[in-house]
Amino acid sequence: MEYRHLGKSGVKVSPVCLGTMTLGREADESTSFAILDYFVEQGFNFLDTANGYSKGGSEEVVGRWMKDRGNRRNLVVATKVFSKMGPGPNEGGLSRLHIQMAVEDSLCRLQTDVIDIYQIHRWDSGTPPEETLEVLNDLVRQGKIRYLAASNLSGWQLAEYLYLADANLYSRFISLQPVYNALNRSAELEILPLCENQQLGVIPYNPLGGGVLTGKYDRDEELPSGSRLAGYEQYRDRYLNDQMFDLVDEFVVVAGKMDLTPAQLALAWVLAEPRVTAPILGARSLEQIKDSLQGVAVHLNPEQRAMIPAVGPGRWVGEDPVYDRKW
């Protein structure tokens, strides 16, 4: 296993991070444990969850699994804060009040004394970023968090957090989670250059396009019940259009010509971006994770990657009717 430094920090992570949003939800606990077992048996050590996944349910599954397996010391565990976790006015967002409550709740659900990487899940327009950074810095000093990171920030939002952390001598973000795949390359416009310049790790989510790049959706049929597109409006808004179907049809054909499954090719395409540290790969079954992880062994050089069906650099499906047709 080739472990990589996450940004310019000293922590080393595997080249794929297991996303646990499906665990305890689409995947029952037995299946969730099997997915986690297989992942670590292959040498991977990086897990990502969030307090908002199933209202804490994902963290609880990960916590019970780590306690049962006794392997907490060998893992790098990341979770997130922002989501509304209760009916009260302060049970969401990035205020000092909510973050202090949320970190204690996450520690309890994960059954651990410290969170390795604590990430803000998104920008909070209602809280000054200085307040957020100050409380996060306090939690690092208290030993409840080892590293800080972020998810779903625009370029200017990330730059503001980094500037304020440096100006106030606070702990700095070491990584960012953007959406990034062959259907959505918007991170190439500002996010990836900024992360490279500031030496942040990049752990992109949706490397398979929410399952779209596997080719399981048919434009002439209803969305399968229980699928990601059927269940989540944000995924339909992000991917569901005629251009997506056109591109995915070609993507599936090229994967077949390369003797790969579409999931393996989708992961390999993201891994071939040199500014990416570790894509976040989710699964709802053991078969899915076994299939997708084989993409780690596929090494695309820049010329090969440029021939894979994908939207143009910096673009995303639906943003422009024109995309690269080099294949």
C-alpha atoms as a PDB file:
ATOM      1  CA  MET A   1       0.000   0.000   0.000  1.00  0.00           C
ATOM      2  CA  GLU A   2       1.355   3.423  -0.963  1.00  0.00           C
ATOM      3  CA  TYR A   3       0.379   5.783   1.850  1.00  0.00           C
ATOM      4  CA  ARG A   4       0.360   9.508   1.182  1.00  0.00           C
ATOM      5  CA  HIS A   5       0.812  12.563   3.353  1.00  0.00           C
ATOM      6  CA  LEU A   6      -2.447  14.475   3.671  1.00  0.00           C
ATOM      7  CA  GLY A   7      -1.441  17.931   2.498  1.00  0.00           C
ATOM      8  CA  LYS A   8       1.714  19.134   4.211  1.00  0.00           C
ATOM      9  CA  SER A   9       0.744  17.430   7.469  1.00  0.00           C
ATOM     10  CA  GLY A  10       2.624  14.462   8.846  1.00  0.00           C
ATOM     11  CA  VAL A  11      -0.377  12.125   8.808  1.00  0.00           C
ATOM     12  CA  LYS A  12      -0.301   9.373   6.181  1.00  0.00           C
ATOM     13  CA  VAL A  13      -3.457   8.035   4.557  1.00  0.00           C
ATOM     14  CA  SER A  14      -4.249   5.357   2.015  1.00  0.00           C
ATOM     15  CA  PRO A  15      -4.892   6.420  -1.620  1.00  0.00           C
ATOM     16  CA  VAL A  16      -8.636   5.823  -1.162  1.00  0.00           C
ATOM     17  CA  CYS A  17     -10.848   6.937   1.716  1.00  0.00           C
ATOM     18  CA  LEU A  18     -13.955   4.930   2.582  1.00  0.00           C
ATOM     19  CA  GLY A  19     -17.039   7.132   2.657  1.00  0.00           C
ATOM     20  CA  THR A  20     -19.531   5.844   5.197  1.00  0.00           C
ATOM     21  CA  MET A  21     -22.687   7.775   4.320  1.00  0.00           C
ATOM     22  CA  THR A  22     -24.444   4.553   3.242  1.00  0.00           C
ATOM     23  CA  LEU A  23     -23.506   2.569   6.353  1.00  0.00           C
ATOM     24  CA  GLY A  24     -26.447   1.905   8.614  1.00  0.00           C
ATOM     25  CA  ARG A  25     -28.751   3.305   5.939  1.00  0.00           C
ATOM     26  CA  GLU A  26     -28.646   1.574   2.534  1.00  0.00           C
ATOM     27  CA  ALA A  27     -26.263  -0.995   4.058  1.00  0.00           C
ATOM     28  CA  ASP A  28     -27.481  -2.713   7.222  1.00  0.00           C
ATOM     29  CA  GLU A  29     -25.054  -3.174  10.119  1.00  0.00           C
ATOM     30  CA  SER A  30     -23.881  -6.630   9.078  1.00  0.00           C
ATOM     31  CA  THR A  31     -23.162  -5.436   5.532  1.00  0.00           C
ATOM     32  CA  SER A  32     -21.558  -2.257   6.866  1.00  0.00           C
ATOM     33  CA  PHE A  33     -19.175  -4.278   9.038  1.00  0.00           C
ATOM     34  CA  ALA A  34     -18.306  -6.502   6.052  1.00  0.00           C
ATOM     35  CA  ILE A  35     -17.513  -3.429   3.908  1.00  0.00           C
ATOM     36  CA  LEU A  36     -15.329  -1.923   6.642  1.00  0.00           C
ATOM     37  CA  ASP A  37     -13.563  -5.245   7.247  1.00  0.00           C
ATOM     38  CA  TYR A  38     -12.768  -5.718   3.578  1.00  0.00           C
ATOM     39  CA  PHE A  39     -11.512  -2.157   3.217  1.00  0.00           C
ATOM     40  CA  VAL A  40      -8.982  -2.420   6.039  1.00  0.00           C
ATOM     41  CA  GLU A  41      -7.990  -5.982   5.086  1.00  0.00           C
ATOM     42  CA  GLN A  42      -6.767  -4.568   1.771  1.00  0.00           C
ATOM     43  CA  GLY A  43      -4.478  -2.165   3.651  1.00  0.00           C
ATOM     44  CA  PHE A  44      -6.595   1.010   3.486  1.00  0.00           C
ATOM     45  CA  ASN A  45      -6.710   3.081   6.668  1.00  0.00           C
ATOM     46  CA  PHE A  46      -8.787   6.211   5.951  1.00  0.00           C
ATOM     47  CA  LEU A  47     -12.481   6.540   6.933  1.00  0.00           C
ATOM     48  CA  ASP A  48     -14.781   9.529   6.386  1.00  0.00           C
ATOM     49  CA  THR A  49     -18.112  10.127   8.066  1.00  0.00           C
ATOM     50  CA  ALA A  50     -20.211  13.079   9.305  1.00  0.00           C
ATOM     51  CA  ASN A  51     -22.538  13.843  12.178  1.00  0.00           C
ATOM     52  CA  GLY A  52     -25.283  14.591   9.650  1.00  0.00           C
ATOM     53  CA  TYR A  53     -25.175  11.160   7.977  1.00  0.00           C
ATOM     54  CA  SER A  54     -28.363   9.479   9.189  1.00  0.00           C
ATOM     55  CA  LYS A  55     -28.469  11.941  12.111  1.00  0.00           C
ATOM     56  CA  GLY A  56     -25.387  10.369  13.625  1.00  0.00           C
ATOM     57  CA  GLY A  57     -26.206   6.821  12.553  1.00  0.00           C
ATOM     58  CA  SER A  58     -23.129   6.473  10.363  1.00  0.00           C
ATOM     59  CA  GLU A  59     -20.808   7.566  13.183  1.00  0.00           C
ATOM     60  CA  GLU A  60     -22.496   5.065  15.508  1.00  0.00           C
ATOM     61  CA  VAL A  61     -21.909   2.191  13.077  1.00  0.00           C
ATOM     62  CA  VAL A  62     -18.250   3.133  12.659  1.00  0.00           C
ATOM     63  CA  GLY A  63     -17.886   3.464  16.433  1.00  0.00           C
ATOM     64  CA  ARG A  64     -19.399   0.059  17.158  1.00  0.00           C
ATOM     65  CA  TRP A  65     -17.253  -1.545  14.453  1.00  0.00           C
ATOM     66  CA  MET A  66     -14.012   0.008  15.770  1.00  0.00           C
ATOM     67  CA  LYS A  67     -14.826  -1.082  19.318  1.00  0.00           C
ATOM     68  CA  ASP A  68     -15.702  -4.605  18.203  1.00  0.00           C
ATOM     69  CA  ARG A  69     -12.564  -4.958  16.068  1.00  0.00           C
ATOM     70  CA  GLY A  70     -10.236  -3.141  18.466  1.00  0.00           C
ATOM     71  CA  ASN A  71      -8.492  -1.404  15.570  1.00  0.00           C
ATOM     72  CA  ARG A  72      -8.979   2.300  16.316  1.00  0.00           C
ATOM     73  CA  ARG A  73      -5.227   2.917  16.635  1.00  0.00           C
ATOM     74  CA  ASN A  74      -4.580   1.796  13.040  1.00  0.00           C
ATOM     75  CA  LEU A  75      -7.140   4.109  11.426  1.00  0.00           C
ATOM     76  CA  VAL A  76      -7.372   7.738  10.361  1.00  0.00           C
ATOM     77  CA  VAL A  77     -10.953   8.750  11.142  1.00  0.00           C
ATOM     78  CA  ALA A  78     -12.491  11.919   9.731  1.00  0.00           C
ATOM     79  CA  THR A  79     -15.905  13.341  10.516  1.00  0.00           C
ATOM     80  CA  LYS A  80     -17.730  16.604   9.855  1.00  0.00           C
ATOM     81  CA  VAL A  81     -19.787  19.265  11.581  1.00  0.00           C
ATOM     82  CA  PHE A  82     -22.543  21.600  10.362  1.00  0.00           C
ATOM     83  CA  SER A  83     -25.754  19.619   9.949  1.00  0.00           C
ATOM     84  CA  LYS A  84     -28.899  20.386  11.901  1.00  0.00           C
ATOM     85  CA  MET A  85     -28.939  17.737  14.623  1.00  0.00           C
ATOM     86  CA  GLY A  86     -32.004  18.704  16.625  1.00  0.00           C
ATOM     87  CA  PRO A  87     -34.961  21.091  16.847  1.00  0.00           C
ATOM     88  CA  GLY A  88     -33.194  23.838  18.780  1.00  0.00           C
ATOM     89  CA  PRO A  89     -31.957  27.025  17.082  1.00  0.00           C
ATOM     90  CA  ASN A  90     -28.321  26.268  17.983  1.00  0.00           C
ATOM     91  CA  GLU A  91     -28.219  22.622  16.939  1.00  0.00           C
ATOM     92  CA  GLY A  92     -26.630  23.260  13.552  1.00  0.00           C
ATOM     93  CA  GLY A  93     -24.078  25.459  11.820  1.00  0.00           C
ATOM     94  CA  LEU A  94     -20.556  26.460  12.771  1.00  0.00           C
ATOM     95  CA  SER A  95     -21.049  28.557  15.888  1.00  0.00           C
ATOM     96  CA  ARG A  96     -18.885  28.008  18.961  1.00  0.00           C
ATOM     97  CA  LEU A  97     -21.972  26.739  20.789  1.00  0.00           C
ATOM     98  CA  HIS A  98     -22.901  24.120  18.219  1.00  0.00           C
ATOM     99  CA  ILE A  99     -19.369  22.946  17.470  1.00  0.00           C
ATOM    100  CA  GLN A 100     -18.626  22.384  21.168  1.00  0.00           C
ATOM    101  CA  MET A 101     -21.787  20.305  21.510  1.00  0.00           C
ATOM    102  CA  ALA A 102     -21.285  18.509  18.201  1.00  0.00           C
ATOM    103  CA  VAL A 103     -17.710  17.396  18.826  1.00  0.00           C
ATOM    104  CA  GLU A 104     -18.689  15.797  22.147  1.00  0.00           C
ATOM    105  CA  ASP A 105     -21.590  14.007  20.481  1.00  0.00           C
ATOM    106  CA  SER A 106     -19.353  12.733  17.658  1.00  0.00           C
ATOM    107  CA  LEU A 107     -16.725  11.499  20.119  1.00  0.00           C
ATOM    108  CA  CYS A 108     -19.456   9.598  21.979  1.00  0.00           C
ATOM    109  CA  ARG A 109     -20.944   8.054  18.827  1.00  0.00           C
ATOM    110  CA  LEU A 110     -17.517   7.093  17.481  1.00  0.00           C
ATOM    111  CA  GLN A 111     -16.521   5.695  20.904  1.00  0.00           C
ATOM    112  CA  THR A 112     -13.142   7.376  20.738  1.00  0.00           C
ATOM    113  CA  ASP A 113     -11.200   9.949  22.759  1.00  0.00           C
ATOM    114  CA  VAL A 114     -10.028  11.999  19.796  1.00  0.00           C
ATOM    115  CA  ILE A 115     -11.091  12.713  16.215  1.00  0.00           C
ATOM    116  CA  ASP A 116      -8.211  12.541  13.760  1.00  0.00           C
ATOM    117  CA  ILE A 117      -9.604  14.982  11.185  1.00  0.00           C
ATOM    118  CA  TYR A 118     -12.508  17.288  12.005  1.00  0.00           C
ATOM    119  CA  GLN A 119     -14.028  18.972   8.973  1.00  0.00           C
ATOM    120  CA  ILE A 120     -16.478  21.816   8.561  1.00  0.00           C
ATOM    121  CA  HIS A 121     -19.096  20.400   6.209  1.00  0.00           C
ATOM    122  CA  ARG A 122     -19.819  23.656   4.381  1.00  0.00           C
ATOM    123  CA  TRP A 123     -19.763  27.434   4.666  1.00  0.00           C
ATOM    124  CA  ASP A 124     -21.945  29.020   7.347  1.00  0.00           C
ATOM    125  CA  SER A 125     -23.053  32.491   6.297  1.00  0.00           C
ATOM    126  CA  GLY A 126     -24.527  33.076   9.762  1.00  0.00           C
ATOM    127  CA  THR A 127     -21.289  32.621  11.716  1.00  0.00           C
ATOM    128  CA  PRO A 128     -18.127  34.727  11.424  1.00  0.00           C
ATOM    129  CA  PRO A 129     -15.300  32.478  10.208  1.00  0.00           C
ATOM    130  CA  GLU A 130     -13.116  33.840  13.028  1.00  0.00           C
ATOM    131  CA  GLU A 131     -15.530  32.329  15.565  1.00  0.00           C
ATOM    132  CA  THR A 132     -15.430  28.961  13.844  1.00  0.00           C
ATOM    133  CA  LEU A 133     -11.648  28.913  13.599  1.00  0.00           C
ATOM    134  CA  GLU A 134     -11.186  29.980  17.204  1.00  0.00           C
ATOM    135  CA  VAL A 135     -13.305  27.181  18.647  1.00  0.00           C
ATOM    136  CA  LEU A 136     -11.726  24.612  16.313  1.00  0.00           C
ATOM    137  CA  ASN A 137      -8.284  25.788  17.390  1.00  0.00           C
ATOM    138  CA  ASP A 138      -9.344  25.459  21.041  1.00  0.00           C
ATOM    139  CA  LEU A 139     -10.464  21.883  20.440  1.00  0.00           C
ATOM    140  CA  VAL A 140      -7.105  21.029  18.879  1.00  0.00           C
ATOM    141  CA  ARG A 141      -5.344  22.476  21.919  1.00  0.00           C
ATOM    142  CA  GLN A 142      -7.633  20.463  24.206  1.00  0.00           C
ATOM    143  CA  GLY A 143      -6.635  17.251  22.423  1.00  0.00           C
ATOM    144  CA  LYS A 144     -10.121  16.422  21.158  1.00  0.00           C
ATOM    145  CA  ILE A 145      -9.145  16.978  17.510  1.00  0.00           C
ATOM    146  CA  ARG A 146      -5.833  16.251  15.817  1.00  0.00           C
ATOM    147  CA  TYR A 147      -6.258  18.002  12.461  1.00  0.00           C
ATOM    148  CA  LEU A 148      -8.717  20.435  10.892  1.00  0.00           C
ATOM    149  CA  ALA A 149     -10.131  20.300   7.385  1.00  0.00           C
ATOM    150  CA  ALA A 150     -13.077  21.430   5.283  1.00  0.00           C
ATOM    151  CA  SER A 151     -15.609  20.311   2.708  1.00  0.00           C
ATOM    152  CA  ASN A 152     -17.718  22.004   0.033  1.00  0.00           C
ATOM    153  CA  LEU A 153     -16.049  25.418   0.111  1.00  0.00           C
ATOM    154  CA  SER A 154     -15.618  27.728  -2.855  1.00  0.00           C
ATOM    155  CA  GLY A 155     -12.191  29.111  -3.626  1.00  0.00           C
ATOM    156  CA  TRP A 156     -12.737  32.445  -1.893  1.00  0.00           C
ATOM    157  CA  GLN A 157     -14.262  30.796   1.182  1.00  0.00           C
ATOM    158  CA  LEU A 158     -11.306  28.448   1.576  1.00  0.00           C
ATOM    159  CA  ALA A 159      -8.872  31.321   1.017  1.00  0.00           C
ATOM    160  CA  GLU A 160     -10.547  33.380   3.756  1.00  0.00           C
ATOM    161  CA  TYR A 161     -10.304  30.552   6.280  1.00  0.00           C
ATOM    162  CA  LEU A 162      -6.641  29.991   5.435  1.00  0.00           C
ATOM    163  CA  TYR A 163      -5.828  33.689   5.683  1.00  0.00           C
ATOM    164  CA  LEU A 164      -7.559  34.085   9.035  1.00  0.00           C
ATOM    165  CA  ALA A 165      -5.899  30.969  10.453  1.00  0.00           C
ATOM    166  CA  ASP A 166      -2.466  32.273   9.482  1.00  0.00           C
ATOM    167  CA  ALA A 167      -3.196  35.806  10.697  1.00  0.00           C
ATOM    168  CA  ASN A 168      -4.336  34.556  14.114  1.00  0.00           C
ATOM    169  CA  LEU A 169      -1.835  31.701  14.426  1.00  0.00           C
ATOM    170  CA  TYR A 170      -4.669  29.160  14.566  1.00  0.00           C
ATOM    171  CA  SER A 171      -4.427  25.548  13.428  1.00  0.00           C
ATOM    172  CA  ARG A 172      -4.840  25.428   9.660  1.00  0.00           C
ATOM    173  CA  PHE A 173      -6.969  23.216   7.438  1.00  0.00           C
ATOM    174  CA  ILE A 174      -4.904  20.392   5.988  1.00  0.00           C
ATOM    175  CA  SER A 175      -7.348  19.186   3.323  1.00  0.00           C
ATOM    176  CA  LEU A 176     -10.525  19.891   1.402  1.00  0.00           C
ATOM    177  CA  GLN A 177     -13.364  17.710   0.126  1.00  0.00           C
ATOM    178  CA  PRO A 178     -14.714  18.930  -3.232  1.00  0.00           C
ATOM    179  CA  VAL A 179     -16.966  17.078  -5.646  1.00  0.00           C
ATOM    180  CA  TYR A 180     -14.815  15.796  -8.522  1.00  0.00           C
ATOM    181  CA  ASN A 181     -15.337  13.195 -11.240  1.00  0.00           C
ATOM    182  CA  ALA A 182     -15.493  12.816 -15.029  1.00  0.00           C
ATOM    183  CA  LEU A 183     -18.935  14.465 -15.030  1.00  0.00           C
ATOM    184  CA  ASN A 184     -17.985  17.393 -12.815  1.00  0.00           C
ATOM    185  CA  ARG A 185     -14.554  18.988 -13.145  1.00  0.00           C
ATOM    186  CA  SER A 186     -15.485  22.366 -11.674  1.00  0.00           C
ATOM    187  CA  ALA A 187     -12.853  21.925  -8.939  1.00  0.00           C
ATOM    188  CA  GLU A 188     -10.186  22.460 -11.591  1.00  0.00           C
ATOM    189  CA  LEU A 189     -11.156  26.129 -11.930  1.00  0.00           C
ATOM    190  CA  GLU A 190     -10.115  27.387  -8.473  1.00  0.00           C
ATOM    191  CA  ILE A 191     -10.143  24.641  -5.851  1.00  0.00           C
ATOM    192  CA  LEU A 192      -7.393  22.369  -7.151  1.00  0.00           C
ATOM    193  CA  PRO A 193      -4.987  25.233  -7.989  1.00  0.00           C
ATOM    194  CA  LEU A 194      -5.580  26.785  -4.549  1.00  0.00           C
ATOM    195  CA  CYS A 195      -5.066  23.485  -2.742  1.00  0.00           C
ATOM    196  CA  GLU A 196      -1.857  22.887  -4.683  1.00  0.00           C
ATOM    197  CA  ASN A 197      -0.590  26.386  -3.931  1.00  0.00           C
ATOM    198  CA  GLN A 198      -1.419  26.118  -0.227  1.00  0.00           C
ATOM    199  CA  GLN A 199      -0.309  22.473   0.042  1.00  0.00           C
ATOM    200  CA  LEU A 200      -3.700  21.114   1.088  1.00  0.00           C
ATOM    201  CA  GLY A 201      -4.674  17.523   0.551  1.00  0.00           C
ATOM    202  CA  VAL A 202      -7.625  16.875  -1.763  1.00  0.00           C
ATOM    203  CA  ILE A 203     -10.072  14.092  -0.870  1.00  0.00           C
ATOM    204  CA  PRO A 204     -12.779  14.422  -3.528  1.00  0.00           C
ATOM    205  CA  TYR A 205     -16.172  12.852  -3.048  1.00  0.00           C
ATOM    206  CA  ASN A 206     -18.455  11.418  -5.759  1.00  0.00           C
ATOM    207  CA  PRO A 207     -15.609   9.857  -7.801  1.00  0.00           C
ATOM    208  CA  LEU A 208     -18.243   7.601  -9.419  1.00  0.00           C
ATOM    209  CA  GLY A 209     -20.646  10.508  -9.918  1.00  0.00           C
ATOM    210  CA  GLY A 210     -23.010   9.196  -7.248  1.00  0.00           C
ATOM    211  CA  GLY A 211     -23.106   5.874  -9.107  1.00  0.00           C
ATOM    212  CA  VAL A 212     -24.038   7.549 -12.400  1.00  0.00           C
ATOM    213  CA  LEU A 213     -20.738   6.617 -14.079  1.00  0.00           C
ATOM    214  CA  THR A 214     -21.395   2.921 -13.468  1.00  0.00           C
ATOM    215  CA  GLY A 215     -23.991   3.078 -16.237  1.00  0.00           C
ATOM    216  CA  LYS A 216     -26.836   1.750 -14.102  1.00  0.00           C
ATOM    217  CA  TYR A 217     -29.295   4.458 -15.164  1.00  0.00           C
ATOM    218  CA  ASP A 218     -31.265   4.277 -18.425  1.00  0.00           C
ATOM    219  CA  ARG A 219     -32.616   7.474 -19.968  1.00  0.00           C
ATOM    220  CA  ASP A 220     -35.734   5.651 -21.145  1.00  0.00           C
ATOM    221  CA  GLU A 221     -36.614   4.086 -17.785  1.00  0.00           C
ATOM    222  CA  GLU A 222     -37.683   5.386 -14.404  1.00  0.00           C
ATOM    223  CA  LEU A 223     -34.965   5.841 -11.813  1.00  0.00           C
ATOM    224  CA  PRO A 224     -34.535   2.605  -9.817  1.00  0.00           C
ATOM    225  CA  SER A 225     -36.224   2.693  -6.428  1.00  0.00           C
ATOM    226  CA  GLY A 226     -33.704   3.227  -3.651  1.00  0.00           C
ATOM    227  CA  SER A 227     -31.003   4.542  -5.977  1.00  0.00           C
ATOM    228  CA  ARG A 228     -28.995   7.686  -5.221  1.00  0.00           C
ATOM    229  CA  LEU A 229     -30.637   9.690  -8.022  1.00  0.00           C
ATOM    230  CA  ALA A 230     -34.114   8.568  -7.045  1.00  0.00           C
ATOM    231  CA  GLY A 231     -33.642   9.391  -3.394  1.00  0.00           C
ATOM    232  CA  TYR A 232     -31.740  12.683  -3.459  1.00  0.00           C
ATOM    233  CA  GLU A 233     -32.770  15.801  -5.299  1.00  0.00           C
ATOM    234  CA  GLN A 234     -29.266  17.301  -5.127  1.00  0.00           C
ATOM    235  CA  TYR A 235     -27.920  14.370  -7.134  1.00  0.00           C
ATOM    236  CA  ARG A 236     -30.606  14.778  -9.777  1.00  0.00           C
ATOM    237  CA  ASP A 237     -29.829  18.491  -9.983  1.00  0.00           C
ATOM    238  CA  ARG A 238     -26.119  17.720 -10.218  1.00  0.00           C
ATOM    239  CA  TYR A 239     -26.184  15.006 -12.876  1.00  0.00           C
ATOM    240  CA  LEU A 240     -29.559  14.225 -14.432  1.00  0.00           C
ATOM    241  CA  ASN A 241     -29.704  15.608 -17.991  1.00  0.00           C
ATOM    242  CA  ASP A 242     -29.306  14.415 -21.582  1.00  0.00           C
ATOM    243  CA  GLN A 243     -25.627  15.320 -21.697  1.00  0.00           C
ATOM    244  CA  MET A 244     -24.989  13.056 -18.744  1.00  0.00           C
ATOM    245  CA  PHE A 245     -26.604  10.078 -20.473  1.00  0.00           C
ATOM    246  CA  ASP A 246     -24.641  10.739 -23.682  1.00  0.00           C
ATOM    247  CA  LEU A 247     -21.336  10.889 -21.842  1.00  0.00           C
ATOM    248  CA  VAL A 248     -21.995   7.888 -19.621  1.00  0.00           C
ATOM    249  CA  ASP A 249     -22.964   5.755 -22.624  1.00  0.00           C
ATOM    250  CA  GLU A 250     -19.555   6.467 -24.139  1.00  0.00           C
ATOM    251  CA  PHE A 251     -17.790   6.020 -20.781  1.00  0.00           C
ATOM    252  CA  VAL A 252     -19.241   2.538 -20.323  1.00  0.00           C
ATOM    253  CA  VAL A 253     -18.162   1.519 -23.838  1.00  0.00           C
ATOM    254  CA  VAL A 254     -14.581   2.702 -23.274  1.00  0.00           C
ATOM    255  CA  ALA A 255     -14.406   0.916 -19.909  1.00  0.00           C
ATOM    256  CA  GLY A 256     -15.420  -2.314 -21.632  1.00  0.00           C
ATOM    257  CA  LYS A 257     -12.728  -1.877 -24.280  1.00  0.00           C
ATOM    258  CA  MET A 258     -10.175  -1.494 -21.482  1.00  0.00           C
ATOM    259  CA  ASP A 259     -11.437  -4.662 -19.712  1.00  0.00           C
ATOM    260  CA  LEU A 260     -12.506  -2.563 -16.741  1.00  0.00           C
ATOM    261  CA  THR A 261     -15.830  -2.019 -15.072  1.00  0.00           C
ATOM    262  CA  PRO A 262     -17.095   1.572 -15.301  1.00  0.00           C
ATOM    263  CA  ALA A 263     -16.625   1.955 -11.529  1.00  0.00           C
ATOM    264  CA  GLN A 264     -12.980   0.945 -11.773  1.00  0.00           C
ATOM    265  CA  LEU A 265     -12.353   3.362 -14.638  1.00  0.00           C
ATOM    266  CA  ALA A 266     -14.147   6.202 -12.830  1.00  0.00           C
ATOM    267  CA  LEU A 267     -11.952   5.778  -9.759  1.00  0.00           C
ATOM    268  CA  ALA A 268      -8.788   5.449 -11.858  1.00  0.00           C
ATOM    269  CA  TRP A 269      -9.667   8.663 -13.741  1.00  0.00           C
ATOM    270  CA  VAL A 270      -9.881  10.639 -10.474  1.00  0.00           C
ATOM    271  CA  LEU A 271      -6.718   9.050  -9.065  1.00  0.00           C
ATOM    272  CA  ALA A 272      -4.819  10.072 -12.197  1.00  0.00           C
ATOM    273  CA  GLU A 273      -5.248  13.758 -11.296  1.00  0.00           C
ATOM    274  CA  PRO A 274      -1.900  14.513  -9.570  1.00  0.00           C
ATOM    275  CA  ARG A 275      -3.424  17.046  -7.152  1.00  0.00           C
ATOM    276  CA  VAL A 276      -5.800  14.423  -5.700  1.00  0.00           C
ATOM    277  CA  THR A 277      -4.714  12.712  -2.482  1.00  0.00           C
ATOM    278  CA  ALA A 278      -7.429  10.133  -1.796  1.00  0.00           C
ATOM    279  CA  PRO A 279     -10.887   9.938  -3.410  1.00  0.00           C
ATOM    280  CA  ILE A 280     -13.768   9.136  -1.064  1.00  0.00           C
ATOM    281  CA  LEU A 281     -15.385   5.915  -2.235  1.00  0.00           C
ATOM    282  CA  GLY A 282     -18.748   4.794  -0.921  1.00  0.00           C
ATOM    283  CA  ALA A 283     -20.572   1.479  -1.240  1.00  0.00           C
ATOM    284  CA  ARG A 284     -23.826  -0.092  -0.176  1.00  0.00           C
ATOM    285  CA  SER A 285     -22.703  -3.699  -0.680  1.00  0.00           C
ATOM    286  CA  LEU A 286     -19.559  -5.768  -0.345  1.00  0.00           C
ATOM    287  CA  GLU A 287     -19.656  -6.506  -4.067  1.00  0.00           C
ATOM    288  CA  GLN A 288     -19.570  -2.793  -4.894  1.00  0.00           C
ATOM    289  CA  ILE A 289     -16.512  -2.034  -2.789  1.00  0.00           C
ATOM    290  CA  LYS A 290     -14.676  -5.096  -4.109  1.00  0.00           C
ATOM    291  CA  ASP A 291     -15.344  -3.975  -7.672  1.00  0.00           C
ATOM    292  CA  SER A 292     -14.546  -0.290  -7.294  1.00  0.00           C
ATOM    293  CA  LEU A 293     -11.324  -0.703  -5.302  1.00  0.00           C
ATOM    294  CA  GLN A 294      -9.732  -2.563  -8.194  1.00  0.00           C
ATOM    295  CA  GLY A 295      -9.494   0.816  -9.885  1.00  0.00           C
ATOM    296  CA  VAL A 296      -6.588   1.662  -7.558  1.00  0.00           C
ATOM    297  CA  ALA A 297      -4.396  -0.718  -9.562  1.00  0.00           C
ATOM    298  CA  VAL A 298      -5.219   1.066 -12.841  1.00  0.00           C
ATOM    299  CA  HIS A 299      -2.632   3.744 -13.583  1.00  0.00           C
ATOM    300  CA  LEU A 300      -3.576   6.155 -16.367  1.00  0.00           C
ATOM    301  CA  ASN A 301      -0.880   8.402 -17.787  1.00  0.00           C
ATOM    302  CA  PRO A 302      -1.907  11.924 -18.889  1.00  0.00           C
ATOM    303  CA  GLU A 303      -2.372  10.867 -22.503  1.00  0.00           C
ATOM    304  CA  GLN A 304      -4.541   7.885 -21.575  1.00  0.00           C
ATOM    305  CA  ARG A 305      -6.591   9.971 -19.159  1.00  0.00           C
ATOM    306  CA  ALA A 306      -7.239  12.596 -21.816  1.00  0.00           C
ATOM    307  CA  MET A 307      -8.803   9.898 -24.004  1.00  0.00           C
ATOM    308  CA  ILE A 308     -11.360   8.844 -21.381  1.00  0.00           C
ATOM    309  CA  PRO A 309     -14.868  10.272 -21.956  1.00  0.00           C
ATOM    310  CA  ALA A 310     -15.238  13.263 -19.645  1.00  0.00           C
ATOM    311  CA  VAL A 311     -16.540  16.799 -19.659  1.00  0.00           C
ATOM    312  CA  GLY A 312     -14.028  19.445 -20.665  1.00  0.00           C
ATOM    313  CA  PRO A 313     -11.529  20.804 -18.134  1.00  0.00           C
ATOM    314  CA  GLY A 314     -13.247  22.897 -15.474  1.00  0.00           C
ATOM    315  CA  ARG A 315     -16.732  22.023 -16.750  1.00  0.00           C
ATOM    316  CA  TRP A 316     -19.637  19.954 -15.493  1.00  0.00           C
ATOM    317  CA  VAL A 317     -22.561  18.212 -17.169  1.00  0.00           C
ATOM    318  CA  GLY A 318     -25.352  20.606 -17.967  1.00  0.00           C
ATOM    319  CA  GLU A 319     -23.074  23.652 -17.701  1.00  0.00           C
ATOM    320  CA  ASP A 320     -22.216  23.590 -21.402  1.00  0.00           C
ATOM    321  CA  PRO A 321     -23.562  21.431 -24.266  1.00  0.00           C
ATOM    322  CA  VAL A 322     -20.023  20.841 -25.542  1.00  0.00           C
ATOM    323  CA  TYR A 323     -17.661  18.333 -23.935  1.00  0.00           C
ATOM    324  CA  ASP A 324     -14.491  16.584 -25.041  1.00  0.00           C
ATOM    325  CA  ARG A 325     -14.941  13.825 -27.610  1.00  0.00           C
ATOM    326  CA  LYS A 326     -11.368  12.571 -27.963  1.00  0.00           C
ATOM    327  CA  TRP A 327     -12.230   8.894 -27.672  1.00  0.00           C
END
